[in-house]
Amino acid sequence: MFTRFTNIINALQSLNKVYSNSEMVRKILRCLPRTWMPKVTAIKEAKNLNILPLEDLLGSLMTHELSMQTKDDDEEKEKKKKKVVALKSSTIEDSDDDDELALITRKFKKFLASKKKFGGK
C-alpha cells in the first residue's frame, strides 16, 4: 500500500501538486480499513501528526501488521489442535441368530407368565 501511495504522490508532484508531510500522514491513516481503527486512534492520541515523519508511521503500521499476523497464525494453530476425531459405529447383523433369540425370549416370557397364573408351582 505504501509503495502505491508513494507512486501516486510522486506522480502528483510531477503535476505540481505537492502535499505536506502531515497531509500525507493523515491521508494514510484515513485510508486504512476498519480493523485498523484501534491502531489509528492510538497513533492519533499518542503522536503529534503535524511532526510525525511518514517513515515512522510506516514502521509503526508494519510492526502492528506483523503482530496481527502472528496472532492470527497462533489462533489457527490452536484451532488445528482442537480437532475432534469421531469414530463410526457399525453393527453386524445376523438375522438368523437375532430371529432365534427373539423367538426363545418370547417363549420364555410366556412360560414365566403362565407360571405366575397358576401359583408358580
PDB file of N, CA and C in Angstrom:
ATOM      1  N   MET A   1       0.835  -1.183   0.000  1.00  0.00           N
ATOM      2  CA  MET A   1       0.000   0.000   0.000  1.00  0.00           C
ATOM      3  C   MET A   1       0.889   1.260   0.000  1.00  0.00           C
ATOM      4  N   PHE A   2       1.954   1.206   0.789  1.00  0.00           N
ATOM      5  CA  PHE A   2       2.822   2.371   0.882  1.00  0.00           C
ATOM      6  C   PHE A   2       3.512   2.657  -0.453  1.00  0.00           C
ATOM      7  N   THR A   3       3.870   1.607  -1.184  1.00  0.00           N
ATOM      8  CA  THR A   3       4.515   1.791  -2.491  1.00  0.00           C
ATOM      9  C   THR A   3       3.547   2.453  -3.469  1.00  0.00           C
ATOM     10  N   ARG A   4       2.303   1.995  -3.488  1.00  0.00           N
ATOM     11  CA  ARG A   4       1.303   2.618  -4.372  1.00  0.00           C
ATOM     12  C   ARG A   4       1.073   4.076  -3.984  1.00  0.00           C
ATOM     13  N   PHE A   5       1.014   4.327  -2.673  1.00  0.00           N
ATOM     14  CA  PHE A   5       0.814   5.691  -2.189  1.00  0.00           C
ATOM     15  C   PHE A   5       1.968   6.591  -2.640  1.00  0.00           C
ATOM     16  N   THR A   6       3.184   6.087  -2.496  1.00  0.00           N
ATOM     17  CA  THR A   6       4.363   6.869  -2.903  1.00  0.00           C
ATOM     18  C   THR A   6       4.359   7.141  -4.404  1.00  0.00           C
ATOM     19  N   ASN A   7       3.970   6.139  -5.201  1.00  0.00           N
ATOM     20  CA  ASN A   7       3.896   6.341  -6.655  1.00  0.00           C
ATOM     21  C   ASN A   7       2.875   7.420  -7.012  1.00  0.00           C
ATOM     22  N   ILE A   8       1.733   7.415  -6.338  1.00  0.00           N
ATOM     23  CA  ILE A   8       0.702   8.429  -6.601  1.00  0.00           C
ATOM     24  C   ILE A   8       1.192   9.819  -6.203  1.00  0.00           C
ATOM     25  N   ILE A   9       1.828   9.913  -5.038  1.00  0.00           N
ATOM     26  CA  ILE A   9       2.342  11.202  -4.565  1.00  0.00           C
ATOM     27  C   ILE A   9       3.411  11.736  -5.528  1.00  0.00           C
ATOM     28  N   ASN A  10       4.294  10.848  -5.987  1.00  0.00           N
ATOM     29  CA  ASN A  10       5.343  11.284  -6.926  1.00  0.00           C
ATOM     30  C   ASN A  10       4.749  11.742  -8.257  1.00  0.00           C
ATOM     31  N   ALA A  11       3.714  11.030  -8.725  1.00  0.00           N
ATOM     32  CA  ALA A  11       3.062  11.442  -9.969  1.00  0.00           C
ATOM     33  C   ALA A  11       2.380  12.798  -9.796  1.00  0.00           C
ATOM     34  N   LEU A  12       1.783  13.024  -8.639  1.00  0.00           N
ATOM     35  CA  LEU A  12       1.147  14.318  -8.383  1.00  0.00           C
ATOM     36  C   LEU A  12       2.178  15.439  -8.267  1.00  0.00           C
ATOM     37  N   GLN A  13       3.348  15.121  -7.709  1.00  0.00           N
ATOM     38  CA  GLN A  13       4.404  16.137  -7.617  1.00  0.00           C
ATOM     39  C   GLN A  13       4.890  16.537  -9.002  1.00  0.00           C
ATOM     40  N   SER A  14       4.922  15.582  -9.927  1.00  0.00           N
ATOM     41  CA  SER A  14       5.332  15.918 -11.293  1.00  0.00           C
ATOM     42  C   SER A  14       4.289  16.808 -11.975  1.00  0.00           C
ATOM     43  N   LEU A  15       3.040  16.782 -11.465  1.00  0.00           N
ATOM     44  CA  LEU A  15       1.982  17.644 -11.988  1.00  0.00           C
ATOM     45  C   LEU A  15       1.821  18.914 -11.162  1.00  0.00           C
ATOM     46  N   ASN A  16       2.834  19.217 -10.333  1.00  0.00           N
ATOM     47  CA  ASN A  16       2.882  20.427  -9.487  1.00  0.00           C
ATOM     48  C   ASN A  16       1.841  20.435  -8.375  1.00  0.00           C
ATOM     49  N   LYS A  17       1.440  19.271  -7.899  1.00  0.00           N
ATOM     50  CA  LYS A  17       0.570  19.183  -6.727  1.00  0.00           C
ATOM     51  C   LYS A  17       1.407  18.582  -5.605  1.00  0.00           C
ATOM     52  N   VAL A  18       1.726  19.377  -4.623  1.00  0.00           N
ATOM     53  CA  VAL A  18       2.611  18.939  -3.545  1.00  0.00           C
ATOM     54  C   VAL A  18       1.809  18.870  -2.246  1.00  0.00           C
ATOM     55  N   TYR A  19       1.983  17.757  -1.525  1.00  0.00           N
ATOM     56  CA  TYR A  19       1.347  17.577  -0.213  1.00  0.00           C
ATOM     57  C   TYR A  19       2.403  17.682   0.872  1.00  0.00           C
ATOM     58  N   SER A  20       2.018  18.265   1.998  1.00  0.00           N
ATOM     59  CA  SER A  20       2.941  18.337   3.130  1.00  0.00           C
ATOM     60  C   SER A  20       2.999  16.971   3.815  1.00  0.00           C
ATOM     61  N   ASN A  21       3.989  16.793   4.677  1.00  0.00           N
ATOM     62  CA  ASN A  21       4.165  15.531   5.394  1.00  0.00           C
ATOM     63  C   ASN A  21       2.936  15.219   6.262  1.00  0.00           C
ATOM     64  N   SER A  22       2.411  16.218   6.949  1.00  0.00           N
ATOM     65  CA  SER A  22       1.252  15.972   7.818  1.00  0.00           C
ATOM     66  C   SER A  22       0.021  15.585   7.003  1.00  0.00           C
ATOM     67  N   GLU A  23      -0.124  16.164   5.800  1.00  0.00           N
ATOM     68  CA  GLU A  23      -1.254  15.787   4.938  1.00  0.00           C
ATOM     69  C   GLU A  23      -1.124  14.338   4.484  1.00  0.00           C
ATOM     70  N   MET A  24       0.082  13.919   4.147  1.00  0.00           N
ATOM     71  CA  MET A  24       0.287  12.539   3.712  1.00  0.00           C
ATOM     72  C   MET A  24       0.035  11.558   4.863  1.00  0.00           C
ATOM     73  N   VAL A  25       0.474  11.902   6.056  1.00  0.00           N
ATOM     74  CA  VAL A  25       0.242  11.037   7.221  1.00  0.00           C
ATOM     75  C   VAL A  25      -1.251  10.883   7.463  1.00  0.00           C
ATOM     76  N   ARG A  26      -1.976  11.983   7.419  1.00  0.00           N
ATOM     77  CA  ARG A  26      -3.423  11.937   7.640  1.00  0.00           C
ATOM     78  C   ARG A  26      -4.146  11.134   6.540  1.00  0.00           C
ATOM     79  N   LYS A  27      -3.684  11.274   5.296  1.00  0.00           N
ATOM     80  CA  LYS A  27      -4.308  10.516   4.201  1.00  0.00           C
ATOM     81  C   LYS A  27      -4.106   9.007   4.383  1.00  0.00           C
ATOM     82  N   ILE A  28      -2.914   8.593   4.797  1.00  0.00           N
ATOM     83  CA  ILE A  28      -2.667   7.168   5.016  1.00  0.00           C
ATOM     84  C   ILE A  28      -3.530   6.650   6.159  1.00  0.00           C
ATOM     85  N   LEU A  29      -3.605   7.399   7.253  1.00  0.00           N
ATOM     86  CA  LEU A  29      -4.418   6.968   8.388  1.00  0.00           C
ATOM     87  C   LEU A  29      -5.900   6.888   8.021  1.00  0.00           C
ATOM     88  N   ARG A  30      -6.330   7.772   7.162  1.00  0.00           N
ATOM     89  CA  ARG A  30      -7.736   7.813   6.757  1.00  0.00           C
ATOM     90  C   ARG A  30      -8.110   6.636   5.847  1.00  0.00           C
ATOM     91  N   CYS A  31      -7.159   6.125   5.068  1.00  0.00           N
ATOM     92  CA  CYS A  31      -7.474   5.075   4.090  1.00  0.00           C
ATOM     93  C   CYS A  31      -7.368   3.666   4.665  1.00  0.00           C
ATOM     94  N   LEU A  32      -6.947   3.529   5.916  1.00  0.00           N
ATOM     95  CA  LEU A  32      -6.818   2.190   6.493  1.00  0.00           C
ATOM     96  C   LEU A  32      -8.189   1.582   6.757  1.00  0.00           C
ATOM     97  N   PRO A  33      -8.316   0.252   6.670  1.00  0.00           N
ATOM     98  CA  PRO A  33      -9.616  -0.409   6.897  1.00  0.00           C
ATOM     99  C   PRO A  33     -10.064  -0.332   8.356  1.00  0.00           C
ATOM    100  N   ARG A  34     -11.311  -0.698   8.586  1.00  0.00           N
ATOM    101  CA  ARG A  34     -11.908  -0.628   9.933  1.00  0.00           C
ATOM    102  C   ARG A  34     -11.153  -1.453  10.970  1.00  0.00           C
ATOM    103  N   THR A  35     -10.584  -2.560  10.553  1.00  0.00           N
ATOM    104  CA  THR A  35      -9.872  -3.406  11.510  1.00  0.00           C
ATOM    105  C   THR A  35      -8.657  -2.699  12.112  1.00  0.00           C
ATOM    106  N   TRP A  36      -8.201  -1.661  11.454  1.00  0.00           N
ATOM    107  CA  TRP A  36      -7.049  -0.905  11.926  1.00  0.00           C
ATOM    108  C   TRP A  36      -7.443   0.305  12.777  1.00  0.00           C
ATOM    109  N   MET A  37      -8.725   0.547  12.957  1.00  0.00           N
ATOM    110  CA  MET A  37      -9.162   1.750  13.669  1.00  0.00           C
ATOM    111  C   MET A  37      -8.585   1.879  15.085  1.00  0.00           C
ATOM    112  N   PRO A  38      -8.464   0.804  15.867  1.00  0.00           N
ATOM    113  CA  PRO A  38      -7.839   0.978  17.188  1.00  0.00           C
ATOM    114  C   PRO A  38      -6.402   1.486  17.091  1.00  0.00           C
ATOM    115  N   LYS A  39      -5.646   0.992  16.124  1.00  0.00           N
ATOM    116  CA  LYS A  39      -4.264   1.453  15.947  1.00  0.00           C
ATOM    117  C   LYS A  39      -4.228   2.900  15.470  1.00  0.00           C
ATOM    118  N   VAL A  40      -5.129   3.249  14.559  1.00  0.00           N
ATOM    119  CA  VAL A  40      -5.198   4.634  14.063  1.00  0.00           C
ATOM    120  C   VAL A  40      -5.499   5.580  15.215  1.00  0.00           C
ATOM    121  N   THR A  41      -6.449   5.221  16.056  1.00  0.00           N
ATOM    122  CA  THR A  41      -6.806   6.060  17.199  1.00  0.00           C
ATOM    123  C   THR A  41      -5.627   6.196  18.148  1.00  0.00           C
ATOM    124  N   ALA A  42      -4.921   5.088  18.388  1.00  0.00           N
ATOM    125  CA  ALA A  42      -3.762   5.140  19.285  1.00  0.00           C
ATOM    126  C   ALA A  42      -2.679   6.059  18.730  1.00  0.00           C
ATOM    127  N   ILE A  43      -2.434   6.010  17.437  1.00  0.00           N
ATOM    128  CA  ILE A  43      -1.420   6.885  16.825  1.00  0.00           C
ATOM    129  C   ILE A  43      -1.849   8.339  16.915  1.00  0.00           C
ATOM    130  N   LYS A  44      -3.116   8.616  16.643  1.00  0.00           N
ATOM    131  CA  LYS A  44      -3.607   9.994  16.707  1.00  0.00           C
ATOM    132  C   LYS A  44      -3.501  10.557  18.117  1.00  0.00           C
ATOM    133  N   GLU A  45      -3.788   9.718  19.120  1.00  0.00           N
ATOM    134  CA  GLU A  45      -3.749  10.173  20.503  1.00  0.00           C
ATOM    135  C   GLU A  45      -2.318  10.327  21.017  1.00  0.00           C
ATOM    136  N   ALA A  46      -1.438   9.422  20.632  1.00  0.00           N
ATOM    137  CA  ALA A  46      -0.101   9.384  21.216  1.00  0.00           C
ATOM    138  C   ALA A  46       0.901  10.297  20.517  1.00  0.00           C
ATOM    139  N   LYS A  47       0.689  10.567  19.251  1.00  0.00           N
ATOM    140  CA  LYS A  47       1.709  11.300  18.490  1.00  0.00           C
ATOM    141  C   LYS A  47       1.126  12.555  17.870  1.00  0.00           C
ATOM    142  N   ASN A  48       1.990  13.521  17.675  1.00  0.00           N
ATOM    143  CA  ASN A  48       1.609  14.763  17.012  1.00  0.00           C
ATOM    144  C   ASN A  48       1.705  14.527  15.506  1.00  0.00           C
ATOM    145  N   LEU A  49       0.565  14.506  14.838  1.00  0.00           N
ATOM    146  CA  LEU A  49       0.546  14.191  13.408  1.00  0.00           C
ATOM    147  C   LEU A  49       1.187  15.282  12.556  1.00  0.00           C
ATOM    148  N   ASN A  50       1.324  16.485  13.094  1.00  0.00           N
ATOM    149  CA  ASN A  50       1.936  17.569  12.324  1.00  0.00           C
ATOM    150  C   ASN A  50       3.438  17.368  12.154  1.00  0.00           C
ATOM    151  N   ILE A  51       4.074  16.679  13.086  1.00  0.00           N
ATOM    152  CA  ILE A  51       5.530  16.498  13.001  1.00  0.00           C
ATOM    153  C   ILE A  51       5.935  15.032  12.847  1.00  0.00           C
ATOM    154  N   LEU A  52       4.967  14.128  12.781  1.00  0.00           N
ATOM    155  CA  LEU A  52       5.269  12.704  12.640  1.00  0.00           C
ATOM    156  C   LEU A  52       5.796  12.414  11.236  1.00  0.00           C
ATOM    157  N   PRO A  53       7.035  11.892  11.134  1.00  0.00           N
ATOM    158  CA  PRO A  53       7.570  11.555   9.808  1.00  0.00           C
ATOM    159  C   PRO A  53       6.809  10.375   9.195  1.00  0.00           C
ATOM    160  N   LEU A  54       6.696  10.389   7.896  1.00  0.00           N
ATOM    161  CA  LEU A  54       5.990   9.348   7.167  1.00  0.00           C
ATOM    162  C   LEU A  54       6.643   7.979   7.387  1.00  0.00           C
ATOM    163  N   GLU A  55       7.969   7.944   7.490  1.00  0.00           N
ATOM    164  CA  GLU A  55       8.695   6.695   7.698  1.00  0.00           C
ATOM    165  C   GLU A  55       8.391   6.096   9.073  1.00  0.00           C
ATOM    166  N   ASP A  56       8.252   6.944  10.091  1.00  0.00           N
ATOM    167  CA  ASP A  56       7.900   6.444  11.424  1.00  0.00           C
ATOM    168  C   ASP A  56       6.493   5.851  11.430  1.00  0.00           C
ATOM    169  N   LEU A  57       5.580   6.508  10.743  1.00  0.00           N
ATOM    170  CA  LEU A  57       4.221   5.977  10.631  1.00  0.00           C
ATOM    171  C   LEU A  57       4.245   4.616   9.945  1.00  0.00           C
ATOM    172  N   LEU A  58       4.993   4.507   8.852  1.00  0.00           N
ATOM    173  CA  LEU A  58       5.102   3.259   8.121  1.00  0.00           C
ATOM    174  C   LEU A  58       5.671   2.155   9.012  1.00  0.00           C
ATOM    175  N   GLY A  59       6.708   2.465   9.773  1.00  0.00           N
ATOM    176  CA  GLY A  59       7.308   1.481  10.677  1.00  0.00           C
ATOM    177  C   GLY A  59       6.324   1.017  11.734  1.00  0.00           C
ATOM    178  N   SER A  60       5.585   1.936  12.282  1.00  0.00           N
ATOM    179  CA  SER A  60       4.592   1.592  13.302  1.00  0.00           C
ATOM    180  C   SER A  60       3.501   0.699  12.726  1.00  0.00           C
ATOM    181  N   LEU A  61       3.027   1.025  11.534  1.00  0.00           N
ATOM    182  CA  LEU A  61       1.977   0.228  10.899  1.00  0.00           C
ATOM    183  C   LEU A  61       2.474  -1.167  10.516  1.00  0.00           C
ATOM    184  N   MET A  62       3.711  -1.260  10.038  1.00  0.00           N
ATOM    185  CA  MET A  62       4.263  -2.564   9.667  1.00  0.00           C
ATOM    186  C   MET A  62       4.457  -3.445  10.904  1.00  0.00           C
ATOM    187  N   THR A  63       4.883  -2.848  12.011  1.00  0.00           N
ATOM    188  CA  THR A  63       5.042  -3.596  13.258  1.00  0.00           C
ATOM    189  C   THR A  63       3.698  -4.138  13.721  1.00  0.00           C
ATOM    190  N   HIS A  64       2.681  -3.301  13.646  1.00  0.00           N
ATOM    191  CA  HIS A  64       1.335  -3.724  14.041  1.00  0.00           C
ATOM    192  C   HIS A  64       0.828  -4.845  13.138  1.00  0.00           C
ATOM    193  N   GLU A  65       1.094  -4.739  11.848  1.00  0.00           N
ATOM    194  CA  GLU A  65       0.658  -5.767  10.903  1.00  0.00           C
ATOM    195  C   GLU A  65       1.322  -7.111  11.212  1.00  0.00           C
ATOM    196  N   LEU A  66       2.611  -7.090  11.512  1.00  0.00           N
ATOM    197  CA  LEU A  66       3.310  -8.329  11.847  1.00  0.00           C
ATOM    198  C   LEU A  66       2.757  -8.953  13.123  1.00  0.00           C
ATOM    199  N   SER A  67       2.469  -8.138  14.116  1.00  0.00           N
ATOM    200  CA  SER A  67       1.922  -8.687  15.364  1.00  0.00           C
ATOM    201  C   SER A  67       0.529  -9.266  15.130  1.00  0.00           C
ATOM    202  N   MET A  68      -0.277  -8.644  14.257  1.00  0.00           N
ATOM    203  CA  MET A  68      -1.598  -9.183  13.937  1.00  0.00           C
ATOM    204  C   MET A  68      -1.473 -10.518  13.204  1.00  0.00           C
ATOM    205  N   GLN A  69      -0.506 -10.632  12.302  1.00  0.00           N
ATOM    206  CA  GLN A  69      -0.310 -11.876  11.557  1.00  0.00           C
ATOM    207  C   GLN A  69       0.141 -13.001  12.478  1.00  0.00           C
ATOM    208  N   THR A  70       1.047 -12.731  13.405  1.00  0.00           N
ATOM    209  CA  THR A  70       1.488 -13.785  14.318  1.00  0.00           C
ATOM    210  C   THR A  70       0.348 -14.217  15.231  1.00  0.00           C
ATOM    211  N   LYS A  71      -0.490 -13.274  15.628  1.00  0.00           N
ATOM    212  CA  LYS A  71      -1.642 -13.615  16.470  1.00  0.00           C
ATOM    213  C   LYS A  71      -2.615 -14.495  15.685  1.00  0.00           C
ATOM    214  N   ASP A  72      -2.869 -14.157  14.422  1.00  0.00           N
ATOM    215  CA  ASP A  72      -3.757 -14.976  13.578  1.00  0.00           C
ATOM    216  C   ASP A  72      -3.182 -16.373  13.371  1.00  0.00           C
ATOM    217  N   ASP A  73      -1.871 -16.456  13.173  1.00  0.00           N
ATOM    218  CA  ASP A  73      -1.231 -17.755  12.995  1.00  0.00           C
ATOM    219  C   ASP A  73      -1.364 -18.604  14.257  1.00  0.00           C
ATOM    220  N   ASP A  74      -1.185 -17.979  15.421  1.00  0.00           N
ATOM    221  CA  ASP A  74      -1.334 -18.707  16.686  1.00  0.00           C
ATOM    222  C   ASP A  74      -2.762 -19.214  16.859  1.00  0.00           C
ATOM    223  N   GLU A  75      -3.742 -18.399  16.487  1.00  0.00           N
ATOM    224  CA  GLU A  75      -5.140 -18.810  16.605  1.00  0.00           C
ATOM    225  C   GLU A  75      -5.440 -19.984  15.678  1.00  0.00           C
ATOM    226  N   GLU A  76      -4.873 -19.979  14.471  1.00  0.00           N
ATOM    227  CA  GLU A  76      -5.077 -21.084  13.531  1.00  0.00           C
ATOM    228  C   GLU A  76      -4.458 -22.370  14.072  1.00  0.00           C
ATOM    229  N   LYS A  77      -3.282 -22.261  14.711  1.00  0.00           N
ATOM    230  CA  LYS A  77      -2.648 -23.439  15.288  1.00  0.00           C
ATOM    231  C   LYS A  77      -3.504 -24.006  16.412  1.00  0.00           C
ATOM    232  N   GLU A  78      -4.098 -23.131  17.217  1.00  0.00           N
ATOM    233  CA  GLU A  78      -4.968 -23.593  18.301  1.00  0.00           C
ATOM    234  C   GLU A  78      -6.187 -24.320  17.746  1.00  0.00           C
ATOM    235  N   LYS A  79      -6.755 -23.810  16.664  1.00  0.00           N
ATOM    236  CA  LYS A  79      -7.916 -24.463  16.054  1.00  0.00           C
ATOM    237  C   LYS A  79      -7.543 -25.841  15.531  1.00  0.00           C
ATOM    238  N   LYS A  80      -6.354 -25.964  14.947  1.00  0.00           N
ATOM    239  CA  LYS A  80      -5.922 -27.249  14.418  1.00  0.00           C
ATOM    240  C   LYS A  80      -5.697 -28.256  15.543  1.00  0.00           C
ATOM    241  N   LYS A  81      -5.246 -27.783  16.705  1.00  0.00           N
ATOM    242  CA  LYS A  81      -5.012 -28.680  17.834  1.00  0.00           C
ATOM    243  C   LYS A  81      -6.314 -29.225  18.390  1.00  0.00           C
ATOM    244  N   LYS A  82      -7.392 -28.503  18.247  1.00  0.00           N
ATOM    245  CA  LYS A  82      -8.667 -28.881  18.846  1.00  0.00           C
ATOM    246  C   LYS A  82      -9.535 -29.728  17.914  1.00  0.00           C
ATOM    247  N   LYS A  83      -8.936 -30.370  16.950  1.00  0.00           N
ATOM    248  CA  LYS A  83      -9.720 -31.208  16.048  1.00  0.00           C
ATOM    249  C   LYS A  83     -10.290 -32.389  16.817  1.00  0.00           C
ATOM    250  N   VAL A  84     -11.521 -32.708  16.549  1.00  0.00           N
ATOM    251  CA  VAL A  84     -12.196 -33.812  17.206  1.00  0.00           C
ATOM    252  C   VAL A  84     -12.244 -34.994  16.248  1.00  0.00           C
ATOM    253  N   VAL A  85     -11.903 -36.136  16.771  1.00  0.00           N
ATOM    254  CA  VAL A  85     -11.934 -37.346  15.962  1.00  0.00           C
ATOM    255  C   VAL A  85     -13.150 -38.157  16.383  1.00  0.00           C
ATOM    256  N   ALA A  86     -14.022 -38.424  15.470  1.00  0.00           N
ATOM    257  CA  ALA A  86     -15.216 -39.220  15.742  1.00  0.00           C
ATOM    258  C   ALA A  86     -15.101 -40.533  14.972  1.00  0.00           C
ATOM    259  N   LEU A  87     -15.427 -41.586  15.643  1.00  0.00           N
ATOM    260  CA  LEU A  87     -15.362 -42.902  15.004  1.00  0.00           C
ATOM    261  C   LEU A  87     -16.763 -43.347  14.633  1.00  0.00           C
ATOM    262  N   LYS A  88     -16.873 -44.011  13.510  1.00  0.00           N
ATOM    263  CA  LYS A  88     -18.163 -44.513  13.063  1.00  0.00           C
ATOM    264  C   LYS A  88     -18.426 -45.846  13.738  1.00  0.00           C
ATOM    265  N   SER A  89     -19.640 -46.035  14.143  1.00  0.00           N
ATOM    266  CA  SER A  89     -20.007 -47.321  14.721  1.00  0.00           C
ATOM    267  C   SER A  89     -20.760 -48.128  13.680  1.00  0.00           C
ATOM    268  N   SER A  90     -20.589 -49.401  13.759  1.00  0.00           N
ATOM    269  CA  SER A  90     -21.300 -50.258  12.821  1.00  0.00           C
ATOM    270  C   SER A  90     -21.731 -51.511  13.566  1.00  0.00           C
ATOM    271  N   THR A  91     -22.817 -52.084  13.100  1.00  0.00           N
ATOM    272  CA  THR A  91     -23.303 -53.322  13.698  1.00  0.00           C
ATOM    273  C   THR A  91     -23.342 -54.383  12.619  1.00  0.00           C
ATOM    274  N   ILE A  92     -22.984 -55.564  13.025  1.00  0.00           N
ATOM    275  CA  ILE A  92     -23.041 -56.691  12.102  1.00  0.00           C
ATOM    276  C   ILE A  92     -24.327 -57.434  12.415  1.00  0.00           C
ATOM    277  N   GLU A  93     -25.161 -57.559  11.427  1.00  0.00           N
ATOM    278  CA  GLU A  93     -26.465 -58.169  11.653  1.00  0.00           C
ATOM    279  C   GLU A  93     -26.452 -59.625  11.238  1.00  0.00           C
ATOM    280  N   ASP A  94     -26.797 -60.478  12.196  1.00  0.00           N
ATOM    281  CA  ASP A  94     -27.045 -61.883  11.889  1.00  0.00           C
ATOM    282  C   ASP A  94     -28.531 -62.084  12.085  1.00  0.00           C
ATOM    283  N   SER A  95     -29.271 -61.989  11.022  1.00  0.00           N
ATOM    284  CA  SER A  95     -30.722 -62.041  11.139  1.00  0.00           C
ATOM    285  C   SER A  95     -31.206 -63.395  11.656  1.00  0.00           C
ATOM    286  N   ASP A  96     -30.500 -64.467  11.308  1.00  0.00           N
ATOM    287  CA  ASP A  96     -30.917 -65.790  11.787  1.00  0.00           C
ATOM    288  C   ASP A  96     -30.770 -65.893  13.299  1.00  0.00           C
ATOM    289  N   ASP A  97     -29.628 -65.462  13.804  1.00  0.00           N
ATOM    290  CA  ASP A  97     -29.389 -65.515  15.248  1.00  0.00           C
ATOM    291  C   ASP A  97     -30.348 -64.603  15.995  1.00  0.00           C
ATOM    292  N   ASP A  98     -30.589 -63.411  15.449  1.00  0.00           N
ATOM    293  CA  ASP A  98     -31.497 -62.473  16.103  1.00  0.00           C
ATOM    294  C   ASP A  98     -32.922 -63.018  16.135  1.00  0.00           C
ATOM    295  N   ASP A  99     -33.364 -63.644  15.051  1.00  0.00           N
ATOM    296  CA  ASP A  99     -34.720 -64.196  14.996  1.00  0.00           C
ATOM    297  C   ASP A  99     -34.892 -65.338  16.005  1.00  0.00           C
ATOM    298  N   GLU A 100     -33.886 -66.198  16.074  1.00  0.00           N
ATOM    299  CA  GLU A 100     -33.955 -67.310  17.018  1.00  0.00           C
ATOM    300  C   GLU A 100     -33.970 -66.809  18.455  1.00  0.00           C
ATOM    301  N   LEU A 101     -33.126 -65.823  18.742  1.00  0.00           N
ATOM    302  CA  LEU A 101     -33.066 -65.260  20.089  1.00  0.00           C
ATOM    303  C   LEU A 101     -34.386 -64.602  20.456  1.00  0.00           C
ATOM    304  N   ALA A 102     -34.988 -63.900  19.537  1.00  0.00           N
ATOM    305  CA  ALA A 102     -36.273 -63.240  19.801  1.00  0.00           C
ATOM    306  C   ALA A 102     -37.360 -64.280  20.059  1.00  0.00           C
ATOM    307  N   LEU A 103     -37.363 -65.361  19.291  1.00  0.00           N
ATOM    308  CA  LEU A 103     -38.352 -66.417  19.477  1.00  0.00           C
ATOM    309  C   LEU A 103     -38.207 -67.085  20.847  1.00  0.00           C
ATOM    310  N   ILE A 104     -36.987 -67.394  21.214  1.00  0.00           N
ATOM    311  CA  ILE A 104     -36.736 -68.012  22.516  1.00  0.00           C
ATOM    312  C   ILE A 104     -37.143 -67.072  23.642  1.00  0.00           C
ATOM    313  N   THR A 105     -36.828 -65.791  23.494  1.00  0.00           N
ATOM    314  CA  THR A 105     -37.183 -64.810  24.520  1.00  0.00           C
ATOM    315  C   THR A 105     -38.699 -64.731  24.678  1.00  0.00           C
ATOM    316  N   ARG A 106     -39.458 -64.703  23.593  1.00  0.00           N
ATOM    317  CA  ARG A 106     -40.921 -64.635  23.669  1.00  0.00           C
ATOM    318  C   ARG A 106     -41.506 -65.879  24.340  1.00  0.00           C
ATOM    319  N   LYS A 107     -40.986 -67.025  23.967  1.00  0.00           N
ATOM    320  CA  LYS A 107     -41.487 -68.266  24.572  1.00  0.00           C
ATOM    321  C   LYS A 107     -41.177 -68.316  26.064  1.00  0.00           C
ATOM    322  N   PHE A 108     -40.005 -67.852  26.440  1.00  0.00           N
ATOM    323  CA  PHE A 108     -39.628 -67.854  27.851  1.00  0.00           C
ATOM    324  C   PHE A 108     -40.510 -66.899  28.648  1.00  0.00           C
ATOM    325  N   LYS A 109     -40.837 -65.721  28.079  1.00  0.00           N
ATOM    326  CA  LYS A 109     -41.733 -64.770  28.750  1.00  0.00           C
ATOM    327  C   LYS A 109     -43.121 -65.372  28.924  1.00  0.00           C
ATOM    328  N   LYS A 110     -43.600 -66.065  27.904  1.00  0.00           N
ATOM    329  CA  LYS A 110     -44.919 -66.724  28.006  1.00  0.00           C
ATOM    330  C   LYS A 110     -44.896 -67.799  29.089  1.00  0.00           C
ATOM    331  N   PHE A 111     -43.807 -68.529  29.136  1.00  0.00           N
ATOM    332  CA  PHE A 111     -43.667 -69.575  30.140  1.00  0.00           C
ATOM    333  C   PHE A 111     -43.707 -68.989  31.546  1.00  0.00           C
ATOM    334  N   LEU A 112     -42.954 -67.892  31.764  1.00  0.00           N
ATOM    335  CA  LEU A 112     -42.943 -67.242  33.076  1.00  0.00           C
ATOM    336  C   LEU A 112     -44.318 -66.683  33.434  1.00  0.00           C
ATOM    337  N   ALA A 113     -45.003 -66.119  32.454  1.00  0.00           N
ATOM    338  CA  ALA A 113     -46.339 -65.565  32.692  1.00  0.00           C
ATOM    339  C   ALA A 113     -47.302 -66.665  33.078  1.00  0.00           C
ATOM    340  N   SER A 114     -47.213 -67.807  32.410  1.00  0.00           N
ATOM    341  CA  SER A 114     -48.134 -68.917  32.735  1.00  0.00           C
ATOM    342  C   SER A 114     -47.810 -69.482  34.123  1.00  0.00           C
ATOM    343  N   LYS A 115     -46.589 -69.465  34.526  1.00  0.00           N
ATOM    344  CA  LYS A 115     -46.206 -69.938  35.854  1.00  0.00           C
ATOM    345  C   LYS A 115     -46.818 -69.061  36.936  1.00  0.00           C
ATOM    346  N   LYS A 116     -46.849 -67.740  36.684  1.00  0.00           N
ATOM    347  CA  LYS A 116     -47.411 -66.813  37.663  1.00  0.00           C
ATOM    348  C   LYS A 116     -48.915 -66.996  37.770  1.00  0.00           C
ATOM    349  N   LYS A 117     -49.587 -67.335  36.668  1.00  0.00           N
ATOM    350  CA  LYS A 117     -51.031 -67.508  36.678  1.00  0.00           C
ATOM    351  C   LYS A 117     -51.439 -68.674  37.565  1.00  0.00           C
ATOM    352  N   PHE A 118     -50.677 -69.744  37.519  1.00  0.00           N
ATOM    353  CA  PHE A 118     -51.059 -70.958  38.221  1.00  0.00           C
ATOM    354  C   PHE A 118     -50.344 -71.114  39.553  1.00  0.00           C
ATOM    355  N   GLY A 119     -49.956 -70.014  40.179  1.00  0.00           N
ATOM    356  CA  GLY A 119     -49.395 -70.043  41.513  1.00  0.00           C
ATOM    357  C   GLY A 119     -47.912 -70.310  41.580  1.00  0.00           C
ATOM    358  N   GLY A 120     -47.253 -70.366  40.467  1.00  0.00           N
ATOM    359  CA  GLY A 120     -45.818 -70.520  40.445  1.00  0.00           C
ATOM    360  C   GLY A 120     -45.321 -71.880  40.880  1.00  0.00           C
ATOM    361  N   LYS A 121     -46.161 -72.903  40.922  1.00  0.00           N
ATOM    362  CA  LYS A 121     -45.702 -74.252  41.324  1.00  0.00           C
ATOM    363  C   LYS A 121     -45.389 -75.092  40.123  1.00  0.00           C
TER     364      LYS A 121
END
